[in-house]
Full PDB file with SEQRES, HELIX, SHEET, SSBOND, CRYST1, ORIGX, SCALE, CONECT and MASTER records, all heavy atoms in Angstrom:
SEQRES   1 A   41  LYS GLY ARG ILE LEU LEU VAL ASN ASP ALA VAL VAL ALA          
SEQRES   2 A   41  SER ILE GLU GLN GLN PRO GLU GLN MET LEU GLY SER GLU          
SEQRES   3 A   41  ILE ASN GLU PHE VAL ARG GLY PHE ASN PHE GLN LYS TRP          
SEQRES   4 A   41  LEU ASP                                                      
HELIX    1 AA1 ASP A    9  ILE A   15  1                                   7    
HELIX    2 AA2 PRO A   19  MET A   22  1                                   4    
HELIX    3 AA3 ILE A   27  GLU A   29  5                                   3    
HELIX    4 AA4 PHE A   36  LEU A   40  1                                   5    
CRYST1    1.000    1.000    1.000  90.00  90.00  90.00 P 1           1          
ORIGX1      1.000000  0.000000  0.000000        0.00000                         
ORIGX2      0.000000  1.000000  0.000000        0.00000                         
ORIGX3      0.000000  0.000000  1.000000        0.00000                         
SCALE1      1.000000  0.000000  0.000000        0.00000                         
SCALE2      0.000000  1.000000  0.000000        0.00000                         
SCALE3      0.000000  0.000000  1.000000        0.00000                         
ATOM      1  N   LYS A   1       0.819  -1.217   0.000  1.00  0.00           N  
ATOM      2  CA  LYS A   1       0.000   0.000   0.000  1.00  0.00           C  
ATOM      3  C   LYS A   1       0.850   1.263   0.000  1.00  0.00           C  
ATOM      4  O   LYS A   1       0.321   2.375   0.129  1.00  0.00           O  
ATOM      5  CB  LYS A   1      -0.931   0.011   1.233  1.00  0.00           C  
ATOM      6  CG  LYS A   1      -1.920  -1.136   1.272  1.00  0.00           C  
ATOM      7  CD  LYS A   1      -2.874  -1.097   0.075  1.00  0.00           C  
ATOM      8  CE  LYS A   1      -3.897  -2.213   0.139  1.00  0.00           C  
ATOM      9  NZ  LYS A   1      -4.783  -2.209  -1.054  1.00  0.00           N  
ATOM     10  N   GLY A   2       2.168   1.085  -0.140  1.00  0.00           N  
ATOM     11  CA  GLY A   2       3.046   2.245  -0.162  1.00  0.00           C  
ATOM     12  C   GLY A   2       3.329   2.811   1.221  1.00  0.00           C  
ATOM     13  O   GLY A   2       3.767   3.967   1.341  1.00  0.00           O  
ATOM     14  N   ARG A   3       3.095   2.006   2.262  1.00  0.00           N  
ATOM     15  CA  ARG A   3       3.393   2.451   3.622  1.00  0.00           C  
ATOM     16  C   ARG A   3       4.793   2.001   4.025  1.00  0.00           C  
ATOM     17  O   ARG A   3       5.251   0.934   3.611  1.00  0.00           O  
ATOM     18  CB  ARG A   3       2.352   1.907   4.606  1.00  0.00           C  
ATOM     19  CG  ARG A   3       0.949   2.473   4.396  1.00  0.00           C  
ATOM     20  CD  ARG A   3       0.020   1.994   5.489  1.00  0.00           C  
ATOM     21  NE  ARG A   3      -0.228   0.567   5.388  1.00  0.00           N  
ATOM     22  CZ  ARG A   3      -1.341   0.011   4.933  1.00  0.00           C  
ATOM     23  NH1 ARG A   3      -2.339   0.793   4.509  1.00  0.00           N  
ATOM     24  NH2 ARG A   3      -1.493  -1.301   4.891  1.00  0.00           N  
ATOM     25  N   ILE A   4       5.438   2.795   4.872  1.00  0.00           N  
ATOM     26  CA  ILE A   4       6.824   2.541   5.249  1.00  0.00           C  
ATOM     27  C   ILE A   4       6.889   1.430   6.296  1.00  0.00           C  
ATOM     28  O   ILE A   4       6.246   1.495   7.349  1.00  0.00           O  
ATOM     29  CB  ILE A   4       7.480   3.823   5.802  1.00  0.00           C  
ATOM     30  CG1 ILE A   4       7.503   4.912   4.724  1.00  0.00           C  
ATOM     31  CG2 ILE A   4       8.896   3.538   6.284  1.00  0.00           C  
ATOM     32  CD1 ILE A   4       7.975   6.260   5.223  1.00  0.00           C  
ATOM     33  N   LEU A   5       7.684   0.387   5.993  1.00  0.00           N  
ATOM     34  CA  LEU A   5       7.896  -0.721   6.922  1.00  0.00           C  
ATOM     35  C   LEU A   5       9.229  -0.602   7.656  1.00  0.00           C  
ATOM     36  O   LEU A   5       9.349  -0.990   8.814  1.00  0.00           O  
ATOM     37  CB  LEU A   5       7.878  -2.051   6.167  1.00  0.00           C  
ATOM     38  CG  LEU A   5       6.563  -2.466   5.504  1.00  0.00           C  
ATOM     39  CD1 LEU A   5       6.769  -3.745   4.714  1.00  0.00           C  
ATOM     40  CD2 LEU A   5       5.481  -2.665   6.555  1.00  0.00           C  
ATOM     41  N   LEU A   6      10.234  -0.065   6.942  1.00  0.00           N  
ATOM     42  CA  LEU A   6      11.584  -0.039   7.499  1.00  0.00           C  
ATOM     43  C   LEU A   6      12.367   1.083   6.824  1.00  0.00           C  
ATOM     44  O   LEU A   6      12.194   1.337   5.625  1.00  0.00           O  
ATOM     45  CB  LEU A   6      12.281  -1.388   7.251  1.00  0.00           C  
ATOM     46  CG  LEU A   6      13.701  -1.576   7.778  1.00  0.00           C  
ATOM     47  CD1 LEU A   6      13.698  -1.607   9.301  1.00  0.00           C  
ATOM     48  CD2 LEU A   6      14.299  -2.878   7.231  1.00  0.00           C  
ATOM     49  N   VAL A   7      13.203   1.759   7.590  1.00  0.00           N  
ATOM     50  CA  VAL A   7      14.100   2.773   7.040  1.00  0.00           C  
ATOM     51  C   VAL A   7      15.496   2.518   7.605  1.00  0.00           C  
ATOM     52  O   VAL A   7      15.641   1.909   8.660  1.00  0.00           O  
ATOM     53  CB  VAL A   7      13.645   4.212   7.389  1.00  0.00           C  
ATOM     54  CG1 VAL A   7      12.310   4.534   6.753  1.00  0.00           C  
ATOM     55  CG2 VAL A   7      13.601   4.424   8.901  1.00  0.00           C  
ATOM     56  N   ASN A   8      16.514   2.996   6.903  1.00  0.00           N  
ATOM     57  CA  ASN A   8      17.875   2.825   7.414  1.00  0.00           C  
ATOM     58  C   ASN A   8      18.346   4.102   8.106  1.00  0.00           C  
ATOM     59  O   ASN A   8      17.647   5.122   8.142  1.00  0.00           O  
ATOM     60  CB  ASN A   8      18.832   2.400   6.303  1.00  0.00           C  
ATOM     61  CG  ASN A   8      19.072   3.488   5.274  1.00  0.00           C  
ATOM     62  OD1 ASN A   8      18.326   4.458   5.193  1.00  0.00           O  
ATOM     63  ND2 ASN A   8      20.119   3.323   4.472  1.00  0.00           N  
ATOM     64  N   ASP A   9      19.562   4.061   8.648  1.00  0.00           N  
ATOM     65  CA  ASP A   9      20.084   5.187   9.419  1.00  0.00           C  
ATOM     66  C   ASP A   9      20.226   6.447   8.584  1.00  0.00           C  
ATOM     67  O   ASP A   9      20.106   7.559   9.101  1.00  0.00           O  
ATOM     68  CB  ASP A   9      21.449   4.815  10.018  1.00  0.00           C  
ATOM     69  CG  ASP A   9      21.329   3.814  11.157  1.00  0.00           C  
ATOM     70  OD1 ASP A   9      20.199   3.628  11.652  1.00  0.00           O  
ATOM     71  OD2 ASP A   9      22.348   3.218  11.545  1.00  0.00           O  
ATOM     72  N   ALA A  10      20.489   6.289   7.276  1.00  0.00           N  
ATOM     73  CA  ALA A  10      20.644   7.464   6.417  1.00  0.00           C  
ATOM     74  C   ALA A  10      19.344   8.248   6.320  1.00  0.00           C  
ATOM     75  O   ALA A  10      19.355   9.488   6.255  1.00  0.00           O  
ATOM     76  CB  ALA A  10      21.105   7.034   5.024  1.00  0.00           C  
ATOM     77  N   VAL A  11      18.199   7.560   6.323  1.00  0.00           N  
ATOM     78  CA  VAL A  11      16.895   8.238   6.310  1.00  0.00           C  
ATOM     79  C   VAL A  11      16.673   8.961   7.627  1.00  0.00           C  
ATOM     80  O   VAL A  11      16.266  10.122   7.666  1.00  0.00           O  
ATOM     81  CB  VAL A  11      15.761   7.228   6.054  1.00  0.00           C  
ATOM     82  CG1 VAL A  11      14.401   7.906   6.220  1.00  0.00           C  
ATOM     83  CG2 VAL A  11      15.887   6.620   4.669  1.00  0.00           C  
ATOM     84  N   VAL A  12      16.959   8.269   8.727  1.00  0.00           N  
ATOM     85  CA  VAL A  12      16.755   8.860  10.062  1.00  0.00           C  
ATOM     86  C   VAL A  12      17.604  10.123  10.217  1.00  0.00           C  
ATOM     87  O   VAL A  12      17.131  11.147  10.712  1.00  0.00           O  
ATOM     88  CB  VAL A  12      17.100   7.832  11.158  1.00  0.00           C  
ATOM     89  CG1 VAL A  12      16.997   8.474  12.539  1.00  0.00           C  
ATOM     90  CG2 VAL A  12      16.186   6.616  11.057  1.00  0.00           C  
ATOM     91  N   ALA A  13      18.848  10.064   9.761  1.00  0.00           N  
ATOM     92  CA  ALA A  13      19.740  11.222   9.875  1.00  0.00           C  
ATOM     93  C   ALA A  13      19.270  12.372   9.000  1.00  0.00           C  
ATOM     94  O   ALA A  13      19.433  13.542   9.365  1.00  0.00           O  
ATOM     95  CB  ALA A  13      21.163  10.816   9.492  1.00  0.00           C  
ATOM     96  N   SER A  14      18.676  12.063   7.855  1.00  0.00           N  
ATOM     97  CA  SER A  14      18.231  13.114   6.942  1.00  0.00           C  
ATOM     98  C   SER A  14      16.962  13.794   7.437  1.00  0.00           C  
ATOM     99  O   SER A  14      16.841  15.024   7.395  1.00  0.00           O  
ATOM    100  CB  SER A  14      17.979  12.527   5.547  1.00  0.00           C  
ATOM    101  OG  SER A  14      19.146  11.933   5.021  1.00  0.00           O  
ATOM    102  N   ILE A  15      16.003  13.013   7.923  1.00  0.00           N  
ATOM    103  CA  ILE A  15      14.696  13.569   8.317  1.00  0.00           C  
ATOM    104  C   ILE A  15      14.705  14.062   9.755  1.00  0.00           C  
ATOM    105  O   ILE A  15      13.899  14.904  10.143  1.00  0.00           O  
ATOM    106  CB  ILE A  15      13.600  12.499   8.108  1.00  0.00           C  
ATOM    107  CG1 ILE A  15      13.514  12.137   6.625  1.00  0.00           C  
ATOM    108  CG2 ILE A  15      12.249  12.968   8.609  1.00  0.00           C  
ATOM    109  CD1 ILE A  15      12.479  11.111   6.285  1.00  0.00           C  
ATOM    110  N   GLU A  16      15.645  13.531  10.548  1.00  0.00           N  
ATOM    111  CA  GLU A  16      15.751  13.903  11.955  1.00  0.00           C  
ATOM    112  C   GLU A  16      14.473  13.544  12.716  1.00  0.00           C  
ATOM    113  O   GLU A  16      13.939  14.317  13.495  1.00  0.00           O  
ATOM    114  CB  GLU A  16      16.073  15.397  12.110  1.00  0.00           C  
ATOM    115  CG  GLU A  16      17.428  15.770  11.525  1.00  0.00           C  
ATOM    116  CD  GLU A  16      17.766  17.242  11.721  1.00  0.00           C  
ATOM    117  OE1 GLU A  16      16.871  17.987  12.131  1.00  0.00           O  
ATOM    118  OE2 GLU A  16      18.916  17.620  11.459  1.00  0.00           O  
ATOM    119  N   GLN A  17      13.966  12.341  12.432  1.00  0.00           N  
ATOM    120  CA  GLN A  17      12.838  11.785  13.170  1.00  0.00           C  
ATOM    121  C   GLN A  17      13.208  10.379  13.620  1.00  0.00           C  
ATOM    122  O   GLN A  17      14.058   9.726  13.009  1.00  0.00           O  
ATOM    123  CB  GLN A  17      11.581  11.695  12.296  1.00  0.00           C  
ATOM    124  CG  GLN A  17      10.912  13.025  11.996  1.00  0.00           C  
ATOM    125  CD  GLN A  17       9.595  12.826  11.269  1.00  0.00           C  
ATOM    126  OE1 GLN A  17       9.007  11.747  11.303  1.00  0.00           O  
ATOM    127  NE2 GLN A  17       9.128  13.884  10.611  1.00  0.00           N  
ATOM    128  N   GLN A  18      12.572   9.915  14.667  1.00  0.00           N  
ATOM    129  CA  GLN A  18      12.778   8.550  15.106  1.00  0.00           C  
ATOM    130  C   GLN A  18      12.103   7.590  14.135  1.00  0.00           C  
ATOM    131  O   GLN A  18      11.049   7.932  13.570  1.00  0.00           O  
ATOM    132  CB  GLN A  18      12.222   8.344  16.522  1.00  0.00           C  
ATOM    133  CG  GLN A  18      12.984   9.091  17.595  1.00  0.00           C  
ATOM    134  CD  GLN A  18      14.456   8.680  17.635  1.00  0.00           C  
ATOM    135  OE1 GLN A  18      14.781   7.494  17.596  1.00  0.00           O  
ATOM    136  NE2 GLN A  18      15.340   9.677  17.698  1.00  0.00           N  
ATOM    137  N   PRO A  19      12.676   6.423  13.889  1.00  0.00           N  
ATOM    138  CA  PRO A  19      12.071   5.478  12.940  1.00  0.00           C  
ATOM    139  C   PRO A  19      10.621   5.162  13.273  1.00  0.00           C  
ATOM    140  O   PRO A  19       9.785   5.013  12.376  1.00  0.00           O  
ATOM    141  CB  PRO A  19      12.953   4.228  13.064  1.00  0.00           C  
ATOM    142  CG  PRO A  19      14.262   4.731  13.582  1.00  0.00           C  
ATOM    143  CD  PRO A  19      13.929   5.902  14.451  1.00  0.00           C  
ATOM    144  N   GLU A  20      10.307   5.072  14.590  1.00  0.00           N  
ATOM    145  CA  GLU A  20       8.941   4.723  14.987  1.00  0.00           C  
ATOM    146  C   GLU A  20       7.923   5.751  14.503  1.00  0.00           C  
ATOM    147  O   GLU A  20       6.756   5.415  14.256  1.00  0.00           O  
ATOM    148  CB  GLU A  20       8.850   4.584  16.512  1.00  0.00           C  
ATOM    149  CG  GLU A  20       9.686   3.450  17.103  1.00  0.00           C  
ATOM    150  CD  GLU A  20      11.173   3.795  17.185  1.00  0.00           C  
ATOM    151  OE1 GLU A  20      11.519   4.989  17.025  1.00  0.00           O  
ATOM    152  OE2 GLU A  20      11.990   2.870  17.379  1.00  0.00           O  
ATOM    153  N   GLN A  21       8.355   7.000  14.363  1.00  0.00           N  
ATOM    154  CA  GLN A  21       7.443   8.044  13.913  1.00  0.00           C  
ATOM    155  C   GLN A  21       7.129   7.929  12.426  1.00  0.00           C  
ATOM    156  O   GLN A  21       6.104   8.410  11.963  1.00  0.00           O  
ATOM    157  CB  GLN A  21       8.049   9.428  14.190  1.00  0.00           C  
ATOM    158  CG  GLN A  21       8.258   9.724  15.670  1.00  0.00           C  
ATOM    159  CD  GLN A  21       8.962  11.051  15.875  1.00  0.00           C  
ATOM    160  OE1 GLN A  21      10.188  11.124  15.845  1.00  0.00           O  
ATOM    161  NE2 GLN A  21       8.183  12.094  16.077  1.00  0.00           N  
ATOM    162  N   MET A  22       8.037   7.291  11.661  1.00  0.00           N  
ATOM    163  CA  MET A  22       7.838   7.166  10.212  1.00  0.00           C  
ATOM    164  C   MET A  22       7.141   5.877   9.831  1.00  0.00           C  
ATOM    165  O   MET A  22       6.445   5.830   8.809  1.00  0.00           O  
ATOM    166  CB  MET A  22       9.188   7.226   9.506  1.00  0.00           C  
ATOM    167  CG  MET A  22       9.814   8.610   9.489  1.00  0.00           C  
ATOM    168  SD  MET A  22      11.393   8.599   8.637  1.00  0.00           S  
ATOM    169  CE  MET A  22      12.476   8.104   9.954  1.00  0.00           C  
ATOM    170  N   LEU A  23       7.308   4.822  10.607  1.00  0.00           N  
ATOM    171  CA  LEU A  23       6.751   3.528  10.243  1.00  0.00           C  
ATOM    172  C   LEU A  23       5.233   3.612  10.139  1.00  0.00           C  
ATOM    173  O   LEU A  23       4.562   4.149  11.027  1.00  0.00           O  
ATOM    174  CB  LEU A  23       7.154   2.461  11.256  1.00  0.00           C  
ATOM    175  CG  LEU A  23       8.666   2.259  11.448  1.00  0.00           C  
ATOM    176  CD1 LEU A  23       8.941   1.061  12.348  1.00  0.00           C  
ATOM    177  CD2 LEU A  23       9.361   2.088  10.105  1.00  0.00           C  
ATOM    178  N   GLY A  24       4.703   3.071   9.041  1.00  0.00           N  
ATOM    179  CA  GLY A  24       3.264   3.121   8.801  1.00  0.00           C  
ATOM    180  C   GLY A  24       2.818   4.349   8.030  1.00  0.00           C  
ATOM    181  O   GLY A  24       1.680   4.399   7.552  1.00  0.00           O  
ATOM    182  N   SER A  25       3.695   5.328   7.887  1.00  0.00           N  
ATOM    183  CA  SER A  25       3.339   6.532   7.126  1.00  0.00           C  
ATOM    184  C   SER A  25       3.405   6.238   5.628  1.00  0.00           C  
ATOM    185  O   SER A  25       4.109   5.344   5.177  1.00  0.00           O  
ATOM    186  CB  SER A  25       4.293   7.680   7.463  1.00  0.00           C  
ATOM    187  OG  SER A  25       4.280   7.983   8.835  1.00  0.00           O  
ATOM    188  N   GLU A  26       2.652   7.022   4.867  1.00  0.00           N  
ATOM    189  CA  GLU A  26       2.698   6.886   3.405  1.00  0.00           C  
ATOM    190  C   GLU A  26       4.007   7.457   2.893  1.00  0.00           C  
ATOM    191  O   GLU A  26       4.446   8.525   3.323  1.00  0.00           O  
ATOM    192  CB  GLU A  26       1.515   7.629   2.778  1.00  0.00           C  
ATOM    193  CG  GLU A  26       0.175   7.159   3.290  1.00  0.00           C  
ATOM    194  CD  GLU A  26      -0.675   6.584   2.168  1.00  0.00           C  
ATOM    195  OE1 GLU A  26      -0.349   6.829   1.009  1.00  0.00           O  
ATOM    196  OE2 GLU A  26      -1.641   5.890   2.502  1.00  0.00           O  
ATOM    197  N   ILE A  27       4.630   6.753   1.954  1.00  0.00           N  
ATOM    198  CA  ILE A  27       5.915   7.189   1.424  1.00  0.00           C  
ATOM    199  C   ILE A  27       5.801   8.544   0.727  1.00  0.00           C  
ATOM    200  O   ILE A  27       6.749   9.326   0.710  1.00  0.00           O  
ATOM    201  CB  ILE A  27       6.502   6.117   0.460  1.00  0.00           C  
ATOM    202  CG1 ILE A  27       7.912   6.503   0.006  1.00  0.00           C  
ATOM    203  CG2 ILE A  27       5.589   5.910  -0.735  1.00  0.00           C  
ATOM    204  CD1 ILE A  27       8.918   6.601   1.107  1.00  0.00           C  
ATOM    205  N   ASN A  28       4.631   8.857   0.153  1.00  0.00           N  
ATOM    206  CA  ASN A  28       4.458  10.133  -0.548  1.00  0.00           C  
ATOM    207  C   ASN A  28       4.500  11.337   0.385  1.00  0.00           C  
ATOM    208  O   ASN A  28       4.597  12.476  -0.076  1.00  0.00           O  
ATOM    209  CB  ASN A  28       3.155  10.137  -1.346  1.00  0.00           C  
ATOM    210  CG  ASN A  28       3.244   9.264  -2.589  1.00  0.00           C  
ATOM    211  OD1 ASN A  28       2.606   8.221  -2.667  1.00  0.00           O  
ATOM    212  ND2 ASN A  28       4.069   9.663  -3.544  1.00  0.00           N  
ATOM    213  N   GLU A  29       4.445  11.108   1.694  1.00  0.00           N  
ATOM    214  CA  GLU A  29       4.623  12.211   2.643  1.00  0.00           C  
ATOM    215  C   GLU A  29       6.073  12.695   2.642  1.00  0.00           C  
ATOM    216  O   GLU A  29       6.347  13.845   2.987  1.00  0.00           O  
ATOM    217  CB  GLU A  29       4.239  11.769   4.054  1.00  0.00           C  
ATOM    218  CG  GLU A  29       2.757  11.457   4.243  1.00  0.00           C  
ATOM    219  CD  GLU A  29       2.455  11.055   5.668  1.00  0.00           C  
ATOM    220  OE1 GLU A  29       3.243  11.431   6.572  1.00  0.00           O  
ATOM    221  OE2 GLU A  29       1.452  10.344   5.899  1.00  0.00           O  
ATOM    222  N   PHE A  30       6.994  11.819   2.251  1.00  0.00           N  
ATOM    223  CA  PHE A  30       8.420  12.158   2.292  1.00  0.00           C  
ATOM    224  C   PHE A  30       9.056  12.266   0.903  1.00  0.00           C  
ATOM    225  O   PHE A  30       9.971  13.061   0.712  1.00  0.00           O  
ATOM    226  CB  PHE A  30       9.176  11.098   3.109  1.00  0.00           C  
ATOM    227  CG  PHE A  30       8.672  10.936   4.515  1.00  0.00           C  
ATOM    228  CD1 PHE A  30       7.744   9.945   4.832  1.00  0.00           C  
ATOM    229  CD2 PHE A  30       9.111  11.783   5.523  1.00  0.00           C  
ATOM    230  CE1 PHE A  30       7.272   9.800   6.135  1.00  0.00           C  
ATOM    231  CE2 PHE A  30       8.648  11.638   6.827  1.00  0.00           C  
ATOM    232  CZ  PHE A  30       7.724  10.655   7.128  1.00  0.00           C  
ATOM    233  N   VAL A  31       8.590  11.450  -0.015  1.00  0.00           N  
ATOM    234  CA  VAL A  31       9.174  11.413  -1.367  1.00  0.00           C  
ATOM    235  C   VAL A  31       8.095  11.779  -2.371  1.00  0.00           C  
ATOM    236  O   VAL A  31       7.037  11.121  -2.433  1.00  0.00           O  
ATOM    237  CB  VAL A  31       9.754  10.015  -1.688  1.00  0.00           C  
ATOM    238  CG1 VAL A  31      10.348   9.996  -3.089  1.00  0.00           C  
ATOM    239  CG2 VAL A  31      10.805   9.625  -0.660  1.00  0.00           C  
ATOM    240  N   ARG A  32       8.351  12.825  -3.166  1.00  0.00           N  
ATOM    241  CA  ARG A  32       7.369  13.297  -4.137  1.00  0.00           C  
ATOM    242  C   ARG A  32       7.921  13.172  -5.561  1.00  0.00           C  
ATOM    243  O   ARG A  32       9.118  13.114  -5.758  1.00  0.00           O  
ATOM    244  CB  ARG A  32       7.000  14.753  -3.846  1.00  0.00           C  
ATOM    245  CG  ARG A  32       6.310  14.924  -2.490  1.00  0.00           C  
ATOM    246  CD  ARG A  32       5.996  16.391  -2.195  1.00  0.00           C  
ATOM    247  NE  ARG A  32       5.269  16.537  -0.944  1.00  0.00           N  
ATOM    248  CZ  ARG A  32       5.826  16.566   0.250  1.00  0.00           C  
ATOM    249  NH1 ARG A  32       7.145  16.482   0.345  1.00  0.00           N  
ATOM    250  NH2 ARG A  32       5.095  16.679   1.341  1.00  0.00           N  
ATOM    251  N   GLY A  33       7.003  13.160  -6.508  1.00  0.00           N  
ATOM    252  CA  GLY A  33       7.410  13.072  -7.916  1.00  0.00           C  
ATOM    253  C   GLY A  33       7.136  11.723  -8.541  1.00  0.00           C  
ATOM    254  O   GLY A  33       7.451  11.516  -9.725  1.00  0.00           O  
ATOM    255  N   PHE A  34       6.519  10.801  -7.780  1.00  0.00           N  
ATOM    256  CA  PHE A  34       6.192   9.487  -8.324  1.00  0.00           C  
ATOM    257  C   PHE A  34       4.977   8.940  -7.576  1.00  0.00           C  
ATOM    258  O   PHE A  34       4.904   9.017  -6.341  1.00  0.00           O  
ATOM    259  CB  PHE A  34       7.373   8.520  -8.164  1.00  0.00           C  
ATOM    260  CG  PHE A  34       7.123   7.145  -8.718  1.00  0.00           C  
ATOM    261  CD1 PHE A  34       7.048   6.948 -10.089  1.00  0.00           C  
ATOM    262  CD2 PHE A  34       6.955   6.056  -7.879  1.00  0.00           C  
ATOM    263  CE1 PHE A  34       6.824   5.685 -10.615  1.00  0.00           C  
ATOM    264  CE2 PHE A  34       6.726   4.789  -8.385  1.00  0.00           C  
ATOM    265  CZ  PHE A  34       6.664   4.600  -9.755  1.00  0.00           C  
ATOM    266  N   ASN A  35       4.021   8.390  -8.335  1.00  0.00           N  
ATOM    267  CA  ASN A  35       2.811   7.835  -7.737  1.00  0.00           C  
ATOM    268  C   ASN A  35       3.070   6.373  -7.363  1.00  0.00           C  
ATOM    269  O   ASN A  35       2.898   5.461  -8.178  1.00  0.00           O  
ATOM    270  CB  ASN A  35       1.644   7.932  -8.728  1.00  0.00           C  
ATOM    271  CG  ASN A  35       0.311   7.643  -8.066  1.00  0.00           C  
ATOM    272  OD1 ASN A  35       0.221   6.832  -7.140  1.00  0.00           O  
ATOM    273  ND2 ASN A  35      -0.739   8.307  -8.536  1.00  0.00           N  
ATOM    274  N   PHE A  36       3.514   6.165  -6.122  1.00  0.00           N  
ATOM    275  CA  PHE A  36       3.866   4.822  -5.668  1.00  0.00           C  
ATOM    276  C   PHE A  36       2.657   3.891  -5.657  1.00  0.00           C  
ATOM    277  O   PHE A  36       2.758   2.730  -6.053  1.00  0.00           O  
ATOM    278  CB  PHE A  36       4.486   4.874  -4.264  1.00  0.00           C  
ATOM    279  CG  PHE A  36       5.862   5.453  -4.245  1.00  0.00           C  
ATOM    280  CD1 PHE A  36       6.054   6.819  -4.113  1.00  0.00           C  
ATOM    281  CD2 PHE A  36       6.973   4.643  -4.374  1.00  0.00           C  
ATOM    282  CE1 PHE A  36       7.322   7.358  -4.100  1.00  0.00           C  
ATOM    283  CE2 PHE A  36       8.255   5.171  -4.359  1.00  0.00           C  
ATOM    284  CZ  PHE A  36       8.430   6.534  -4.224  1.00  0.00           C  
ATOM    285  N   GLN A  37       1.491   4.378  -5.208  1.00  0.00           N  
ATOM    286  CA  GLN A  37       0.320   3.526  -5.097  1.00  0.00           C  
ATOM    287  C   GLN A  37      -0.156   3.045  -6.466  1.00  0.00           C  
ATOM    288  O   GLN A  37      -0.502   1.879  -6.659  1.00  0.00           O  
ATOM    289  CB  GLN A  37      -0.813   4.270  -4.380  1.00  0.00           C  
ATOM    290  CG  GLN A  37      -1.974   3.367  -3.970  1.00  0.00           C  
ATOM    291  CD  GLN A  37      -1.524   2.213  -3.069  1.00  0.00           C  
ATOM    292  OE1 GLN A  37      -0.943   2.435  -2.029  1.00  0.00           O  
ATOM    293  NE2 GLN A  37      -1.781   0.986  -3.500  1.00  0.00           N  
ATOM    294  N   LYS A  38      -0.149   3.955  -7.451  1.00  0.00           N  
ATOM    295  CA  LYS A  38      -0.561   3.573  -8.804  1.00  0.00           C  
ATOM    296  C   LYS A  38       0.383   2.523  -9.373  1.00  0.00           C  
ATOM    297  O   LYS A  38      -0.036   1.570 -10.037  1.00  0.00           O  
ATOM    298  CB  LYS A  38      -0.586   4.807  -9.698  1.00  0.00           C  
ATOM    299  CG  LYS A  38      -1.060   4.540 -11.113  1.00  0.00           C  
ATOM    300  CD  LYS A  38      -1.100   5.824 -11.931  1.00  0.00           C  
ATOM    301  CE  LYS A  38      -1.539   5.554 -13.364  1.00  0.00           C  
ATOM    302  NZ  LYS A  38      -1.559   6.813 -14.177  1.00  0.00           N  
ATOM    303  N   TRP A  39       1.677   2.694  -9.098  1.00  0.00           N  
ATOM    304  CA  TRP A  39       2.677   1.733  -9.568  1.00  0.00           C  
ATOM    305  C   TRP A  39       2.471   0.376  -8.912  1.00  0.00           C  
ATOM    306  O   TRP A  39       2.504  -0.665  -9.572  1.00  0.00           O  
ATOM    307  CB  TRP A  39       4.069   2.282  -9.266  1.00  0.00           C  
ATOM    308  CG  TRP A  39       5.203   1.345  -9.575  1.00  0.00           C  
ATOM    309  CD1 TRP A  39       5.623   0.952 -10.808  1.00  0.00           C  
ATOM    310  CD2 TRP A  39       6.050   0.690  -8.633  1.00  0.00           C  
ATOM    311  NE1 TRP A  39       6.701   0.086 -10.693  1.00  0.00           N  
ATOM    312  CE2 TRP A  39       6.981  -0.079  -9.377  1.00  0.00           C  
ATOM    313  CE3 TRP A  39       6.133   0.697  -7.243  1.00  0.00           C  
ATOM    314  CZ2 TRP A  39       7.968  -0.847  -8.760  1.00  0.00           C  
ATOM    315  CZ3 TRP A  39       7.110  -0.066  -6.625  1.00  0.00           C  
ATOM    316  CH2 TRP A  39       8.013  -0.821  -7.378  1.00  0.00           C  
ATOM    317  N   LEU A  40       2.235   0.353  -7.588  1.00  0.00           N  
ATOM    318  CA  LEU A  40       2.046  -0.897  -6.865  1.00  0.00           C  
ATOM    319  C   LEU A  40       0.760  -1.601  -7.264  1.00  0.00           C  
ATOM    320  O   LEU A  40       0.674  -2.835  -7.209  1.00  0.00           O  
ATOM    321  CB  LEU A  40       2.049  -0.629  -5.353  1.00  0.00           C  
ATOM    322  CG  LEU A  40       3.415  -0.277  -4.739  1.00  0.00           C  
ATOM    323  CD1 LEU A  40       3.241   0.327  -3.354  1.00  0.00           C  
ATOM    324  CD2 LEU A  40       4.313  -1.508  -4.684  1.00  0.00           C  
ATOM    325  N   ASP A  41      -0.265  -0.840  -7.674  1.00  0.00           N  
ATOM    326  CA  ASP A  41      -1.560  -1.422  -8.064  1.00  0.00           C  
ATOM    327  C   ASP A  41      -1.588  -1.851  -9.528  1.00  0.00           C  
ATOM    328  O   ASP A  41      -2.579  -2.439  -9.977  1.00  0.00           O  
ATOM    329  CB  ASP A  41      -2.693  -0.412  -7.825  1.00  0.00           C  
ATOM    330  CG  ASP A  41      -2.933  -0.168  -6.339  1.00  0.00           C  
ATOM    331  OD1 ASP A  41      -2.526  -1.027  -5.535  1.00  0.00           O  
ATOM    332  OD2 ASP A  41      -3.505   0.877  -5.986  1.00  0.00           O  
TER     333      ASP A  41                                                      
MASTER        0    0    0    4    0    0    0    6  332    1    0    4          
END                                                                             
């Protein structure tokens, strides 16, 4: 569904958020310019 399951340390360092705060969020909240859901469907 395009939801975040796992991120690495480089993502955490870039966004300056704890991984737990990102898990379950839609990827389009952080990465724009591509329709992930349409691609996955």
